[in-house]
C-alpha atoms as a PDB file:
ATOM      1  CA  UNK A   1      36.687  83.820   0.946  1.00  0.00           C
ATOM      2  CA  UNK A   2      36.351  80.062   1.163  1.00  0.00           C
ATOM      3  CA  UNK A   3      37.381  77.670  -1.545  1.00  0.00           C
ATOM      4  CA  UNK A   4      34.722  75.372  -2.952  1.00  0.00           C
ATOM      5  CA  UNK A   5      35.568  71.840  -4.001  1.00  0.00           C
ATOM      6  CA  UNK A   6      33.438  69.753  -6.311  1.00  0.00           C
ATOM      7  CA  UNK A   7      32.284  66.457  -4.888  1.00  0.00           C
ATOM      8  CA  UNK A   8      33.081  63.330  -6.822  1.00  0.00           C
ATOM      9  CA  UNK A   9      30.113  62.513  -9.055  1.00  0.00           C
ATOM     10  CA  UNK A  10      29.278  59.304  -7.204  1.00  0.00           C
ATOM     11  CA  UNK A  11      29.188  61.129  -3.852  1.00  0.00           C
ATOM     12  CA  UNK A  12      27.053  63.927  -5.258  1.00  0.00           C
ATOM     13  CA  UNK A  13      24.527  61.463  -6.689  1.00  0.00           C
ATOM     14  CA  UNK A  14      24.375  59.499  -3.432  1.00  0.00           C
ATOM     15  CA  UNK A  15      23.829  62.655  -1.347  1.00  0.00           C
ATOM     16  CA  UNK A  16      21.239  63.952  -3.797  1.00  0.00           C
ATOM     17  CA  UNK A  17      19.238  60.717  -3.703  1.00  0.00           C
ATOM     18  CA  UNK A  18      19.460  60.563   0.093  1.00  0.00           C
ATOM     19  CA  UNK A  19      18.206  64.147   0.340  1.00  0.00           C
ATOM     20  CA  UNK A  20      15.316  63.480  -2.026  1.00  0.00           C
ATOM     21  CA  UNK A  21      14.390  60.277  -0.195  1.00  0.00           C
ATOM     22  CA  UNK A  22      14.410  62.072   3.139  1.00  0.00           C
ATOM     23  CA  UNK A  23      12.364  65.029   1.871  1.00  0.00           C
ATOM     24  CA  UNK A  24       9.947  63.259  -0.482  1.00  0.00           C
ATOM     25  CA  UNK A  25       9.948  59.574   0.341  1.00  0.00           C
ATOM     26  CA  UNK A  26      10.636  56.740  -2.108  1.00  0.00           C
ATOM     27  CA  UNK A  27       7.541  57.069  -4.310  1.00  0.00           C
ATOM     28  CA  UNK A  28       7.777  60.829  -4.863  1.00  0.00           C
ATOM     29  CA  UNK A  29      11.567  60.595  -5.327  1.00  0.00           C
ATOM     30  CA  UNK A  30      11.069  58.053  -8.113  1.00  0.00           C
ATOM     31  CA  UNK A  31       8.340  60.228  -9.597  1.00  0.00           C
ATOM     32  CA  UNK A  32      10.572  63.316  -9.473  1.00  0.00           C
ATOM     33  CA  UNK A  33      13.482  61.512 -11.113  1.00  0.00           C
ATOM     34  CA  UNK A  34      11.299  60.275 -13.971  1.00  0.00           C
ATOM     35  CA  UNK A  35       9.602  63.598 -14.779  1.00  0.00           C
ATOM     36  CA  UNK A  36       9.679  64.255 -18.518  1.00  0.00           C
ATOM     37  CA  UNK A  37      12.288  66.741 -19.628  1.00  0.00           C
ATOM     38  CA  UNK A  38      10.664  67.730 -22.924  1.00  0.00           C
ATOM     39  CA  UNK A  39       9.181  70.900 -21.432  1.00  0.00           C
ATOM     40  CA  UNK A  40      12.631  72.507 -21.484  1.00  0.00           C
ATOM     41  CA  UNK A  41      12.966  71.985 -25.235  1.00  0.00           C
ATOM     42  CA  UNK A  42       9.573  73.654 -25.743  1.00  0.00           C
ATOM     43  CA  UNK A  43      10.705  76.673 -23.748  1.00  0.00           C
ATOM     44  CA  UNK A  44      13.904  76.982 -25.770  1.00  0.00           C
ATOM     45  CA  UNK A  45      11.930  76.767 -29.017  1.00  0.00           C
ATOM     46  CA  UNK A  46       9.502  79.426 -27.775  1.00  0.00           C
ATOM     47  CA  UNK A  47      12.405  81.756 -26.965  1.00  0.00           C
ATOM     48  CA  UNK A  48      13.793  81.234 -30.458  1.00  0.00           C
ATOM     49  CA  UNK A  49      10.456  82.045 -32.107  1.00  0.00           C
ATOM     50  CA  UNK A  50       9.508  84.990 -29.886  1.00  0.00           C
ATOM     51  CA  UNK A  51      11.619  87.674 -31.668  1.00  0.00           C
ATOM     52  CA  UNK A  52      10.032  86.790 -35.035  1.00  0.00           C
ATOM     53  CA  UNK A  53       6.582  87.779 -33.759  1.00  0.00           C
ATOM     54  CA  UNK A  54       7.786  90.851 -31.879  1.00  0.00           C
ATOM     55  CA  UNK A  55       6.620  94.294 -32.983  1.00  0.00           C
ATOM     56  CA  UNK A  56       9.425  96.622 -31.785  1.00  0.00           C
ATOM     57  CA  UNK A  57       7.192  99.715 -31.601  1.00  0.00           C
ATOM     58  CA  UNK A  58       4.558  97.949 -29.523  1.00  0.00           C
ATOM     59  CA  UNK A  59       7.238  96.373 -27.316  1.00  0.00           C
ATOM     60  CA  UNK A  60       8.949  99.706 -26.566  1.00  0.00           C
ATOM     61  CA  UNK A  61       5.584 101.365 -25.937  1.00  0.00           C
ATOM     62  CA  UNK A  62       4.736  98.665 -23.400  1.00  0.00           C
ATOM     63  CA  UNK A  63       8.112  98.857 -21.689  1.00  0.00           C
ATOM     64  CA  UNK A  64       8.764 102.606 -21.790  1.00  0.00           C
ATOM     65  CA  UNK A  65       5.249 103.999 -22.191  1.00  0.00           C
ATOM     66  CA  UNK A  66       3.675 105.701 -25.166  1.00  0.00           C
ATOM     67  CA  UNK A  67       5.160 109.169 -24.541  1.00  0.00           C
ATOM     68  CA  UNK A  68       8.112 108.649 -26.831  1.00  0.00           C
ATOM     69  CA  UNK A  69       7.948 112.158 -28.319  1.00  0.00           C
ATOM     70  CA  UNK A  70       9.640 113.602 -25.240  1.00  0.00           C
ATOM     71  CA  UNK A  71      12.409 111.054 -25.528  1.00  0.00           C
ATOM     72  CA  UNK A  72      12.899 111.610 -29.264  1.00  0.00           C
ATOM     73  CA  UNK A  73      15.334 114.423 -28.452  1.00  0.00           C
ATOM     74  CA  UNK A  74      17.412 112.163 -26.237  1.00  0.00           C
ATOM     75  CA  UNK A  75      20.375 110.859 -28.317  1.00  0.00           C
ATOM     76  CA  UNK A  76      20.329 107.498 -26.531  1.00  0.00           C
ATOM     77  CA  UNK A  77      16.601 106.941 -27.166  1.00  0.00           C
ATOM     78  CA  UNK A  78      16.939 108.015 -30.803  1.00  0.00           C
ATOM     79  CA  UNK A  79      19.105 104.948 -31.330  1.00  0.00           C
ATOM     80  CA  UNK A  80      16.111 102.684 -30.600  1.00  0.00           C
ATOM     81  CA  UNK A  81      13.656 104.227 -33.070  1.00  0.00           C
END
């Protein structure tokens, strides 16, 4: 097993910019670096709100199928009813 070392921050930034410049060119690198980051906050908010709108019965039917009667005798599955 090899040991990993973290690069100093300045070196990491320099290598990252050089890699982007080589792969994308100066215009697309600048565009990439200035992309808005608000979309991540929206995703986090969606994940927070999702459980509130979740119908557990419908969810389990979609995941495990609608034949839950056969599983009703299973002690593990009974826990989820």
